[in-house]
Amino acid sequence: MPTVTYNADGLVPAIAQDAETHEVLMMAWMNEEALRRTLTTGKATYWSRSRQEHWVKGETSGHHQAVESVAVDCDGDTILLTVRQTGAACHTGNRTCFFTPLTAQDVL
């Protein structure tokens, strides 16, 4: 069994990637229970740091993530979910959360 390393808050970053396009859709946080629920239900379940509760992606928005596979990186400190996304992944309504380009001029 691979070891998952959680941070001091008991959380690990989880990246959701589209199963067909391989597009990175979003990043959210998981605790041990969210990871367990994801693995047992096949529904992407995350931990909301602001609300301090679990949330199943799409439960209120209808934009579900059906999990096809779950992997942990070589250091055990990041989770990769391969998902079938229904609707937008981002709470802004965009397909992905990564729609804002960043250039060297932005950090100068």
PDB file of N, CA and C in Angstrom:
ATOM      1  N   MET A   1       0.855  -1.192   0.000  1.00  0.00           N
ATOM      2  CA  MET A   1       0.000   0.000   0.000  1.00  0.00           C
ATOM      3  C   MET A   1       0.886   1.235   0.000  1.00  0.00           C
ATOM      4  N   PRO A   2       0.720   2.104  -0.987  1.00  0.00           N
ATOM      5  CA  PRO A   2       1.513   3.335  -1.028  1.00  0.00           C
ATOM      6  C   PRO A   2       1.205   4.224   0.175  1.00  0.00           C
ATOM      7  N   THR A   3       2.209   4.937   0.626  1.00  0.00           N
ATOM      8  CA  THR A   3       2.036   5.849   1.738  1.00  0.00           C
ATOM      9  C   THR A   3       1.680   7.233   1.208  1.00  0.00           C
ATOM     10  N   VAL A   4       0.634   7.821   1.779  1.00  0.00           N
ATOM     11  CA  VAL A   4       0.253   9.187   1.450  1.00  0.00           C
ATOM     12  C   VAL A   4       0.712  10.068   2.605  1.00  0.00           C
ATOM     13  N   THR A   5       1.449  11.119   2.269  1.00  0.00           N
ATOM     14  CA  THR A   5       1.957  12.038   3.278  1.00  0.00           C
ATOM     15  C   THR A   5       1.074  13.274   3.303  1.00  0.00           C
ATOM     16  N   TYR A   6       0.426  13.481   4.431  1.00  0.00           N
ATOM     17  CA  TYR A   6      -0.445  14.641   4.606  1.00  0.00           C
ATOM     18  C   TYR A   6       0.350  15.773   5.251  1.00  0.00           C
ATOM     19  N   ASN A   7      -0.048  17.025   4.975  1.00  0.00           N
ATOM     20  CA  ASN A   7       0.645  18.161   5.580  1.00  0.00           C
ATOM     21  C   ASN A   7       0.243  18.317   7.045  1.00  0.00           C
ATOM     22  N   ALA A   8       0.711  19.367   7.686  1.00  0.00           N
ATOM     23  CA  ALA A   8       0.450  19.583   9.113  1.00  0.00           C
ATOM     24  C   ALA A   8      -1.043  19.725   9.413  1.00  0.00           C
ATOM     25  N   ASP A   9      -1.826  20.122   8.409  1.00  0.00           N
ATOM     26  CA  ASP A   9      -3.276  20.247   8.581  1.00  0.00           C
ATOM     27  C   ASP A   9      -4.019  18.960   8.245  1.00  0.00           C
ATOM     28  N   GLY A  10      -3.273  17.888   7.928  1.00  0.00           N
ATOM     29  CA  GLY A  10      -3.892  16.614   7.587  1.00  0.00           C
ATOM     30  C   GLY A  10      -4.426  16.571   6.174  1.00  0.00           C
ATOM     31  N   LEU A  11      -3.866  17.412   5.284  1.00  0.00           N
ATOM     32  CA  LEU A  11      -4.361  17.521   3.917  1.00  0.00           C
ATOM     33  C   LEU A  11      -3.281  17.177   2.907  1.00  0.00           C
ATOM     34  N   VAL A  12      -3.730  16.766   1.724  1.00  0.00           N
ATOM     35  CA  VAL A  12      -2.843  16.494   0.600  1.00  0.00           C
ATOM     36  C   VAL A  12      -3.478  17.121  -0.642  1.00  0.00           C
ATOM     37  N   PRO A  13      -2.664  17.778  -1.501  1.00  0.00           N
ATOM     38  CA  PRO A  13      -3.240  18.328  -2.733  1.00  0.00           C
ATOM     39  C   PRO A  13      -3.671  17.218  -3.672  1.00  0.00           C
ATOM     40  N   ALA A  14      -4.791  17.450  -4.347  1.00  0.00           N
ATOM     41  CA  ALA A  14      -5.320  16.482  -5.311  1.00  0.00           C
ATOM     42  C   ALA A  14      -5.570  17.199  -6.627  1.00  0.00           C
ATOM     43  N   ILE A  15      -4.946  16.704  -7.676  1.00  0.00           N
ATOM     44  CA  ILE A  15      -5.093  17.263  -9.016  1.00  0.00           C
ATOM     45  C   ILE A  15      -6.101  16.401  -9.774  1.00  0.00           C
ATOM     46  N   ALA A  16      -7.092  17.049 -10.397  1.00  0.00           N
ATOM     47  CA  ALA A  16      -8.054  16.335 -11.238  1.00  0.00           C
ATOM     48  C   ALA A  16      -7.679  16.554 -12.697  1.00  0.00           C
ATOM     49  N   GLN A  17      -7.533  15.457 -13.435  1.00  0.00           N
ATOM     50  CA  GLN A  17      -7.138  15.491 -14.841  1.00  0.00           C
ATOM     51  C   GLN A  17      -8.196  14.768 -15.667  1.00  0.00           C
ATOM     52  N   ASP A  18      -8.545  15.353 -16.815  1.00  0.00           N
ATOM     53  CA  ASP A  18      -9.534  14.748 -17.698  1.00  0.00           C
ATOM     54  C   ASP A  18      -9.004  13.431 -18.266  1.00  0.00           C
ATOM     55  N   ALA A  19      -9.799  12.396 -18.195  1.00  0.00           N
ATOM     56  CA  ALA A  19      -9.383  11.059 -18.640  1.00  0.00           C
ATOM     57  C   ALA A  19      -9.150  10.987 -20.140  1.00  0.00           C
ATOM     58  N   GLU A  20      -9.888  11.748 -20.915  1.00  0.00           N
ATOM     59  CA  GLU A  20      -9.753  11.695 -22.378  1.00  0.00           C
ATOM     60  C   GLU A  20      -8.699  12.660 -22.910  1.00  0.00           C
ATOM     61  N   THR A  21      -8.777  13.917 -22.478  1.00  0.00           N
ATOM     62  CA  THR A  21      -7.903  14.952 -23.049  1.00  0.00           C
ATOM     63  C   THR A  21      -6.594  15.120 -22.282  1.00  0.00           C
ATOM     64  N   HIS A  22      -6.545  14.614 -21.072  1.00  0.00           N
ATOM     65  CA  HIS A  22      -5.400  14.765 -20.161  1.00  0.00           C
ATOM     66  C   HIS A  22      -5.227  16.205 -19.689  1.00  0.00           C
ATOM     67  N   GLU A  23      -6.213  17.024 -19.935  1.00  0.00           N
ATOM     68  CA  GLU A  23      -6.199  18.408 -19.486  1.00  0.00           C
ATOM     69  C   GLU A  23      -6.282  18.453 -17.962  1.00  0.00           C
ATOM     70  N   VAL A  24      -5.465  19.301 -17.336  1.00  0.00           N
ATOM     71  CA  VAL A  24      -5.550  19.497 -15.892  1.00  0.00           C
ATOM     72  C   VAL A  24      -6.756  20.377 -15.624  1.00  0.00           C
ATOM     73  N   LEU A  25      -7.689  19.872 -14.836  1.00  0.00           N
ATOM     74  CA  LEU A  25      -8.947  20.565 -14.610  1.00  0.00           C
ATOM     75  C   LEU A  25      -8.933  21.443 -13.368  1.00  0.00           C
ATOM     76  N   MET A  26      -8.432  20.915 -12.280  1.00  0.00           N
ATOM     77  CA  MET A  26      -8.485  21.645 -11.019  1.00  0.00           C
ATOM     78  C   MET A  26      -7.562  21.028  -9.994  1.00  0.00           C
ATOM     79  N   MET A  27      -7.350  21.757  -8.919  1.00  0.00           N
ATOM     80  CA  MET A  27      -6.634  21.269  -7.748  1.00  0.00           C
ATOM     81  C   MET A  27      -7.502  21.558  -6.536  1.00  0.00           C
ATOM     82  N   ALA A  28      -7.607  20.610  -5.652  1.00  0.00           N
ATOM     83  CA  ALA A  28      -8.338  20.798  -4.407  1.00  0.00           C
ATOM     84  C   ALA A  28      -7.606  20.009  -3.325  1.00  0.00           C
ATOM     85  N   TRP A  29      -8.103  20.054  -2.131  1.00  0.00           N
ATOM     86  CA  TRP A  29      -7.466  19.366  -1.011  1.00  0.00           C
ATOM     87  C   TRP A  29      -8.271  18.142  -0.593  1.00  0.00           C
ATOM     88  N   MET A  30      -7.567  17.130  -0.135  1.00  0.00           N
ATOM     89  CA  MET A  30      -8.196  15.931   0.427  1.00  0.00           C
ATOM     90  C   MET A  30      -7.587  15.655   1.793  1.00  0.00           C
ATOM     91  N   ASN A  31      -8.425  15.176   2.688  1.00  0.00           N
ATOM     92  CA  ASN A  31      -7.903  14.576   3.909  1.00  0.00           C
ATOM     93  C   ASN A  31      -8.067  13.065   3.761  1.00  0.00           C
ATOM     94  N   GLU A  32      -7.693  12.332   4.775  1.00  0.00           N
ATOM     95  CA  GLU A  32      -7.732  10.875   4.667  1.00  0.00           C
ATOM     96  C   GLU A  32      -9.139  10.360   4.378  1.00  0.00           C
ATOM     97  N   GLU A  33     -10.132  10.955   5.010  1.00  0.00           N
ATOM     98  CA  GLU A  33     -11.522  10.529   4.802  1.00  0.00           C
ATOM     99  C   GLU A  33     -11.996  10.843   3.386  1.00  0.00           C
ATOM    100  N   ALA A  34     -11.633  12.011   2.847  1.00  0.00           N
ATOM    101  CA  ALA A  34     -12.016  12.363   1.476  1.00  0.00           C
ATOM    102  C   ALA A  34     -11.401  11.380   0.485  1.00  0.00           C
ATOM    103  N   LEU A  35     -10.154  11.010   0.713  1.00  0.00           N
ATOM    104  CA  LEU A  35      -9.503  10.038  -0.164  1.00  0.00           C
ATOM    105  C   LEU A  35     -10.191   8.677  -0.061  1.00  0.00           C
ATOM    106  N   ARG A  36     -10.516   8.270   1.145  1.00  0.00           N
ATOM    107  CA  ARG A  36     -11.219   6.989   1.339  1.00  0.00           C
ATOM    108  C   ARG A  36     -12.563   7.004   0.618  1.00  0.00           C
ATOM    109  N   ARG A  37     -13.319   8.081   0.775  1.00  0.00           N
ATOM    110  CA  ARG A  37     -14.632   8.188   0.111  1.00  0.00           C
ATOM    111  C   ARG A  37     -14.488   8.170  -1.411  1.00  0.00           C
ATOM    112  N   THR A  38     -13.493   8.866  -1.923  1.00  0.00           N
ATOM    113  CA  THR A  38     -13.252   8.895  -3.363  1.00  0.00           C
ATOM    114  C   THR A  38     -12.970   7.491  -3.878  1.00  0.00           C
ATOM    115  N   LEU A  39     -12.111   6.771  -3.175  1.00  0.00           N
ATOM    116  CA  LEU A  39     -11.730   5.427  -3.608  1.00  0.00           C
ATOM    117  C   LEU A  39     -12.888   4.438  -3.510  1.00  0.00           C
ATOM    118  N   THR A  40     -13.758   4.607  -2.534  1.00  0.00           N
ATOM    119  CA  THR A  40     -14.838   3.638  -2.346  1.00  0.00           C
ATOM    120  C   THR A  40     -16.096   3.966  -3.150  1.00  0.00           C
ATOM    121  N   THR A  41     -16.320   5.253  -3.453  1.00  0.00           N
ATOM    122  CA  THR A  41     -17.550   5.620  -4.175  1.00  0.00           C
ATOM    123  C   THR A  41     -17.323   5.879  -5.659  1.00  0.00           C
ATOM    124  N   GLY A  42     -16.084   6.209  -6.042  1.00  0.00           N
ATOM    125  CA  GLY A  42     -15.819   6.575  -7.427  1.00  0.00           C
ATOM    126  C   GLY A  42     -16.255   7.991  -7.763  1.00  0.00           C
ATOM    127  N   LYS A  43     -16.628   8.760  -6.742  1.00  0.00           N
ATOM    128  CA  LYS A  43     -17.007  10.166  -6.900  1.00  0.00           C
ATOM    129  C   LYS A  43     -15.934  11.017  -6.236  1.00  0.00           C
ATOM    130  N   ALA A  44     -15.426  12.023  -6.955  1.00  0.00           N
ATOM    131  CA  ALA A  44     -14.381  12.879  -6.403  1.00  0.00           C
ATOM    132  C   ALA A  44     -14.913  13.615  -5.180  1.00  0.00           C
ATOM    133  N   THR A  45     -14.269  13.376  -4.053  1.00  0.00           N
ATOM    134  CA  THR A  45     -14.662  13.984  -2.783  1.00  0.00           C
ATOM    135  C   THR A  45     -13.470  14.739  -2.228  1.00  0.00           C
ATOM    136  N   TYR A  46     -13.695  15.969  -1.840  1.00  0.00           N
ATOM    137  CA  TYR A  46     -12.624  16.843  -1.380  1.00  0.00           C
ATOM    138  C   TYR A  46     -12.936  17.388   0.003  1.00  0.00           C
ATOM    139  N   TRP A  47     -11.934  18.080   0.593  1.00  0.00           N
ATOM    140  CA  TRP A  47     -12.106  18.748   1.877  1.00  0.00           C
ATOM    141  C   TRP A  47     -12.111  20.257   1.644  1.00  0.00           C
ATOM    142  N   SER A  48     -13.146  20.925   2.083  1.00  0.00           N
ATOM    143  CA  SER A  48     -13.236  22.376   1.971  1.00  0.00           C
ATOM    144  C   SER A  48     -12.571  23.001   3.191  1.00  0.00           C
ATOM    145  N   ARG A  49     -11.485  23.721   2.958  1.00  0.00           N
ATOM    146  CA  ARG A  49     -10.800  24.386   4.063  1.00  0.00           C
ATOM    147  C   ARG A  49     -11.630  25.541   4.609  1.00  0.00           C
ATOM    148  N   SER A  50     -12.379  26.224   3.758  1.00  0.00           N
ATOM    149  CA  SER A  50     -13.178  27.364   4.229  1.00  0.00           C
ATOM    150  C   SER A  50     -14.418  26.920   5.009  1.00  0.00           C
ATOM    151  N   ARG A  51     -15.069  25.859   4.550  1.00  0.00           N
ATOM    152  CA  ARG A  51     -16.280  25.377   5.223  1.00  0.00           C
ATOM    153  C   ARG A  51     -16.003  24.290   6.258  1.00  0.00           C
ATOM    154  N   GLN A  52     -14.776  23.755   6.215  1.00  0.00           N
ATOM    155  CA  GLN A  52     -14.400  22.681   7.140  1.00  0.00           C
ATOM    156  C   GLN A  52     -15.349  21.488   7.038  1.00  0.00           C
ATOM    157  N   GLU A  53     -15.583  21.069   5.781  1.00  0.00           N
ATOM    158  CA  GLU A  53     -16.434  19.909   5.549  1.00  0.00           C
ATOM    159  C   GLU A  53     -16.075  19.255   4.226  1.00  0.00           C
ATOM    160  N   HIS A  54     -16.493  17.998   4.086  1.00  0.00           N
ATOM    161  CA  HIS A  54     -16.281  17.280   2.834  1.00  0.00           C
ATOM    162  C   HIS A  54     -17.284  17.772   1.794  1.00  0.00           C
ATOM    163  N   TRP A  55     -16.877  17.728   0.523  1.00  0.00           N
ATOM    164  CA  TRP A  55     -17.799  18.038  -0.562  1.00  0.00           C
ATOM    165  C   TRP A  55     -17.528  17.103  -1.724  1.00  0.00           C
ATOM    166  N   VAL A  56     -18.608  16.612  -2.288  1.00  0.00           N
ATOM    167  CA  VAL A  56     -18.541  15.752  -3.463  1.00  0.00           C
ATOM    168  C   VAL A  56     -18.692  16.659  -4.679  1.00  0.00           C
ATOM    169  N   LYS A  57     -17.716  16.604  -5.588  1.00  0.00           N
ATOM    170  CA  LYS A  57     -17.746  17.467  -6.770  1.00  0.00           C
ATOM    171  C   LYS A  57     -19.042  17.225  -7.531  1.00  0.00           C
ATOM    172  N   GLY A  58     -19.772  18.309  -7.771  1.00  0.00           N
ATOM    173  CA  GLY A  58     -21.014  18.229  -8.525  1.00  0.00           C
ATOM    174  C   GLY A  58     -22.253  18.065  -7.685  1.00  0.00           C
ATOM    175  N   GLU A  59     -22.095  17.882  -6.396  1.00  0.00           N
ATOM    176  CA  GLU A  59     -23.251  17.658  -5.531  1.00  0.00           C
ATOM    177  C   GLU A  59     -24.249  18.816  -5.590  1.00  0.00           C
ATOM    178  N   THR A  60     -23.739  20.037  -5.665  1.00  0.00           N
ATOM    179  CA  THR A  60     -24.644  21.187  -5.760  1.00  0.00           C
ATOM    180  C   THR A  60     -24.668  21.790  -7.164  1.00  0.00           C
ATOM    181  N   SER A  61     -23.558  21.693  -7.898  1.00  0.00           N
ATOM    182  CA  SER A  61     -23.470  22.327  -9.227  1.00  0.00           C
ATOM    183  C   SER A  61     -23.959  21.434 -10.362  1.00  0.00           C
ATOM    184  N   GLY A  62     -23.936  20.128 -10.149  1.00  0.00           N
ATOM    185  CA  GLY A  62     -24.259  19.195 -11.225  1.00  0.00           C
ATOM    186  C   GLY A  62     -23.072  18.884 -12.119  1.00  0.00           C
ATOM    187  N   HIS A  63     -21.918  19.473 -11.825  1.00  0.00           N
ATOM    188  CA  HIS A  63     -20.700  19.272 -12.613  1.00  0.00           C
ATOM    189  C   HIS A  63     -19.850  18.187 -11.959  1.00  0.00           C
ATOM    190  N   HIS A  64     -20.230  16.963 -12.180  1.00  0.00           N
ATOM    191  CA  HIS A  64     -19.649  15.813 -11.492  1.00  0.00           C
ATOM    192  C   HIS A  64     -18.294  15.393 -12.043  1.00  0.00           C
ATOM    193  N   GLN A  65     -17.546  14.697 -11.177  1.00  0.00           N
ATOM    194  CA  GLN A  65     -16.304  14.042 -11.589  1.00  0.00           C
ATOM    195  C   GLN A  65     -16.411  12.564 -11.239  1.00  0.00           C
ATOM    196  N   ALA A  66     -16.540  11.728 -12.261  1.00  0.00           N
ATOM    197  CA  ALA A  66     -16.524  10.280 -12.073  1.00  0.00           C
ATOM    198  C   ALA A  66     -15.065   9.849 -12.135  1.00  0.00           C
ATOM    199  N   VAL A  67     -14.591   9.246 -11.080  1.00  0.00           N
ATOM    200  CA  VAL A  67     -13.173   8.915 -10.965  1.00  0.00           C
ATOM    201  C   VAL A  67     -12.875   7.606 -11.682  1.00  0.00           C
ATOM    202  N   GLU A  68     -11.927   7.659 -12.598  1.00  0.00           N
ATOM    203  CA  GLU A  68     -11.482   6.458 -13.312  1.00  0.00           C
ATOM    204  C   GLU A  68     -10.279   5.821 -12.644  1.00  0.00           C
ATOM    205  N   SER A  69      -9.364   6.661 -12.134  1.00  0.00           N
ATOM    206  CA  SER A  69      -8.195   6.115 -11.439  1.00  0.00           C
ATOM    207  C   SER A  69      -7.661   7.142 -10.460  1.00  0.00           C
ATOM    208  N   VAL A  70      -6.922   6.633  -9.488  1.00  0.00           N
ATOM    209  CA  VAL A  70      -6.284   7.471  -8.474  1.00  0.00           C
ATOM    210  C   VAL A  70      -4.849   7.004  -8.346  1.00  0.00           C
ATOM    211  N   ALA A  71      -3.922   7.958  -8.360  1.00  0.00           N
ATOM    212  CA  ALA A  71      -2.501   7.635  -8.195  1.00  0.00           C
ATOM    213  C   ALA A  71      -1.891   8.612  -7.208  1.00  0.00           C
ATOM    214  N   VAL A  72      -0.821   8.180  -6.591  1.00  0.00           N
ATOM    215  CA  VAL A  72      -0.057   9.047  -5.696  1.00  0.00           C
ATOM    216  C   VAL A  72       1.319   9.246  -6.328  1.00  0.00           C
ATOM    217  N   ASP A  73       1.878  10.426  -6.173  1.00  0.00           N
ATOM    218  CA  ASP A  73       3.182  10.685  -6.794  1.00  0.00           C
ATOM    219  C   ASP A  73       4.302   9.976  -6.029  1.00  0.00           C
ATOM    220  N   CYS A  74       5.505  10.062  -6.570  1.00  0.00           N
ATOM    221  CA  CYS A  74       6.643   9.307  -6.035  1.00  0.00           C
ATOM    222  C   CYS A  74       7.010   9.707  -4.610  1.00  0.00           C
ATOM    223  N   ASP A  75       6.692  10.935  -4.202  1.00  0.00           N
ATOM    224  CA  ASP A  75       6.972  11.380  -2.830  1.00  0.00           C
ATOM    225  C   ASP A  75       5.799  11.113  -1.891  1.00  0.00           C
ATOM    226  N   GLY A  76       4.670  10.705  -2.445  1.00  0.00           N
ATOM    227  CA  GLY A  76       3.496  10.419  -1.628  1.00  0.00           C
ATOM    228  C   GLY A  76       2.777  11.657  -1.133  1.00  0.00           C
ATOM    229  N   ASP A  77       3.093  12.831  -1.731  1.00  0.00           N
ATOM    230  CA  ASP A  77       2.505  14.050  -1.195  1.00  0.00           C
ATOM    231  C   ASP A  77       1.583  14.790  -2.166  1.00  0.00           C
ATOM    232  N   THR A  78       1.187  14.118  -3.238  1.00  0.00           N
ATOM    233  CA  THR A  78       0.208  14.683  -4.175  1.00  0.00           C
ATOM    234  C   THR A  78      -0.596  13.537  -4.787  1.00  0.00           C
ATOM    235  N   ILE A  79      -1.896  13.743  -4.878  1.00  0.00           N
ATOM    236  CA  ILE A  79      -2.808  12.755  -5.469  1.00  0.00           C
ATOM    237  C   ILE A  79      -3.182  13.210  -6.880  1.00  0.00           C
ATOM    238  N   LEU A  80      -3.255  12.270  -7.807  1.00  0.00           N
ATOM    239  CA  LEU A  80      -3.733  12.555  -9.167  1.00  0.00           C
ATOM    240  C   LEU A  80      -4.993  11.737  -9.411  1.00  0.00           C
ATOM    241  N   LEU A  81      -6.093  12.450  -9.680  1.00  0.00           N
ATOM    242  CA  LEU A  81      -7.356  11.798 -10.022  1.00  0.00           C
ATOM    243  C   LEU A  81      -7.544  11.906 -11.526  1.00  0.00           C
ATOM    244  N   THR A  82      -7.790  10.799 -12.179  1.00  0.00           N
ATOM    245  CA  THR A  82      -8.175  10.806 -13.582  1.00  0.00           C
ATOM    246  C   THR A  82      -9.689  10.682 -13.587  1.00  0.00           C
ATOM    247  N   VAL A  83     -10.363  11.681 -14.185  1.00  0.00           N
ATOM    248  CA  VAL A  83     -11.811  11.774 -14.043  1.00  0.00           C
ATOM    249  C   VAL A  83     -12.515  11.954 -15.384  1.00  0.00           C
ATOM    250  N   ARG A  84     -13.783  11.591 -15.402  1.00  0.00           N
ATOM    251  CA  ARG A  84     -14.698  11.926 -16.485  1.00  0.00           C
ATOM    252  C   ARG A  84     -15.498  13.117 -15.963  1.00  0.00           C
ATOM    253  N   GLN A  85     -15.218  14.282 -16.511  1.00  0.00           N
ATOM    254  CA  GLN A  85     -15.840  15.524 -16.050  1.00  0.00           C
ATOM    255  C   GLN A  85     -17.150  15.770 -16.774  1.00  0.00           C
ATOM    256  N   THR A  86     -18.196  16.074 -16.012  1.00  0.00           N
ATOM    257  CA  THR A  86     -19.475  16.502 -16.564  1.00  0.00           C
ATOM    258  C   THR A  86     -19.605  17.985 -16.277  1.00  0.00           C
ATOM    259  N   GLY A  87     -19.688  18.799 -17.317  1.00  0.00           N
ATOM    260  CA  GLY A  87     -19.792  20.245 -17.123  1.00  0.00           C
ATOM    261  C   GLY A  87     -18.452  20.861 -16.770  1.00  0.00           C
ATOM    262  N   ALA A  88     -18.518  22.057 -16.201  1.00  0.00           N
ATOM    263  CA  ALA A  88     -17.314  22.811 -15.850  1.00  0.00           C
ATOM    264  C   ALA A  88     -16.671  22.256 -14.587  1.00  0.00           C
ATOM    265  N   ALA A  89     -15.347  22.275 -14.548  1.00  0.00           N
ATOM    266  CA  ALA A  89     -14.635  21.857 -13.342  1.00  0.00           C
ATOM    267  C   ALA A  89     -14.470  23.023 -12.379  1.00  0.00           C
ATOM    268  N   CYS A  90     -14.389  24.239 -12.920  1.00  0.00           N
ATOM    269  CA  CYS A  90     -14.115  25.419 -12.100  1.00  0.00           C
ATOM    270  C   CYS A  90     -15.407  26.044 -11.578  1.00  0.00           C
ATOM    271  N   HIS A  91     -15.346  26.553 -10.352  1.00  0.00           N
ATOM    272  CA  HIS A  91     -16.525  27.210  -9.779  1.00  0.00           C
ATOM    273  C   HIS A  91     -16.897  28.489 -10.527  1.00  0.00           C
ATOM    274  N   THR A  92     -15.993  29.000 -11.384  1.00  0.00           N
ATOM    275  CA  THR A  92     -16.290  30.191 -12.187  1.00  0.00           C
ATOM    276  C   THR A  92     -17.108  29.858 -13.428  1.00  0.00           C
ATOM    277  N   GLY A  93     -17.276  28.562 -13.704  1.00  0.00           N
ATOM    278  CA  GLY A  93     -17.997  28.129 -14.892  1.00  0.00           C
ATOM    279  C   GLY A  93     -17.088  27.748 -16.043  1.00  0.00           C
ATOM    280  N   ASN A  94     -15.793  27.937 -15.879  1.00  0.00           N
ATOM    281  CA  ASN A  94     -14.830  27.536 -16.903  1.00  0.00           C
ATOM    282  C   ASN A  94     -14.608  26.030 -16.847  1.00  0.00           C
ATOM    283  N   ARG A  95     -14.240  25.469 -17.979  1.00  0.00           N
ATOM    284  CA  ARG A  95     -13.976  24.028 -18.039  1.00  0.00           C
ATOM    285  C   ARG A  95     -12.875  23.623 -17.075  1.00  0.00           C
ATOM    286  N   THR A  96     -11.825  24.428 -16.988  1.00  0.00           N
ATOM    287  CA  THR A  96     -10.692  24.161 -16.114  1.00  0.00           C
ATOM    288  C   THR A  96     -10.443  25.375 -15.229  1.00  0.00           C
ATOM    289  N   CYS A  97      -9.831  25.172 -14.098  1.00  0.00           N
ATOM    290  CA  CYS A  97      -9.458  26.289 -13.224  1.00  0.00           C
ATOM    291  C   CYS A  97      -8.209  27.004 -13.728  1.00  0.00           C
ATOM    292  N   PHE A  98      -7.502  26.381 -14.662  1.00  0.00           N
ATOM    293  CA  PHE A  98      -6.231  26.925 -15.135  1.00  0.00           C
ATOM    294  C   PHE A  98      -6.408  27.641 -16.470  1.00  0.00           C
ATOM    295  N   PHE A  99      -7.085  28.796 -16.442  1.00  0.00           N
ATOM    296  CA  PHE A  99      -7.360  29.552 -17.654  1.00  0.00           C
ATOM    297  C   PHE A  99      -6.674  30.921 -17.655  1.00  0.00           C
ATOM    298  N   THR A 100      -5.934  31.255 -16.593  1.00  0.00           N
ATOM    299  CA  THR A 100      -5.270  32.550 -16.499  1.00  0.00           C
ATOM    300  C   THR A 100      -3.782  32.394 -16.778  1.00  0.00           C
ATOM    301  N   PRO A 101      -3.302  32.930 -17.908  1.00  0.00           N
ATOM    302  CA  PRO A 101      -1.876  32.809 -18.212  1.00  0.00           C
ATOM    303  C   PRO A 101      -1.041  33.659 -17.247  1.00  0.00           C
ATOM    304  N   LEU A 102       0.154  33.207 -16.984  1.00  0.00           N
ATOM    305  CA  LEU A 102       1.100  33.913 -16.125  1.00  0.00           C
ATOM    306  C   LEU A 102       2.406  34.018 -16.878  1.00  0.00           C
ATOM    307  N   THR A 103       2.968  35.220 -16.977  1.00  0.00           N
ATOM    308  CA  THR A 103       4.206  35.430 -17.713  1.00  0.00           C
ATOM    309  C   THR A 103       5.274  36.000 -16.782  1.00  0.00           C
ATOM    310  N   ALA A 104       6.489  36.073 -17.266  1.00  0.00           N
ATOM    311  CA  ALA A 104       7.591  36.623 -16.486  1.00  0.00           C
ATOM    312  C   ALA A 104       7.301  38.063 -16.080  1.00  0.00           C
ATOM    313  N   GLN A 105       6.629  38.823 -16.928  1.00  0.00           N
ATOM    314  CA  GLN A 105       6.305  40.202 -16.603  1.00  0.00           C
ATOM    315  C   GLN A 105       5.368  40.313 -15.409  1.00  0.00           C
ATOM    316  N   ASP A 106       4.582  39.292 -15.186  1.00  0.00           N
ATOM    317  CA  ASP A 106       3.640  39.304 -14.051  1.00  0.00           C
ATOM    318  C   ASP A 106       4.335  39.196 -12.714  1.00  0.00           C
ATOM    319  N   VAL A 107       5.540  38.679 -12.688  1.00  0.00           N
ATOM    320  CA  VAL A 107       6.240  38.479 -11.423  1.00  0.00           C
ATOM    321  C   VAL A 107       7.424  39.423 -11.236  1.00  0.00           C
ATOM    322  N   LEU A 108       7.605  40.349 -12.150  1.00  0.00           N
ATOM    323  CA  LEU A 108       8.707  41.311 -12.040  1.00  0.00           C
ATOM    324  C   LEU A 108       8.354  42.454 -11.136  1.00  0.00           C
TER     325      LEU A 108
END
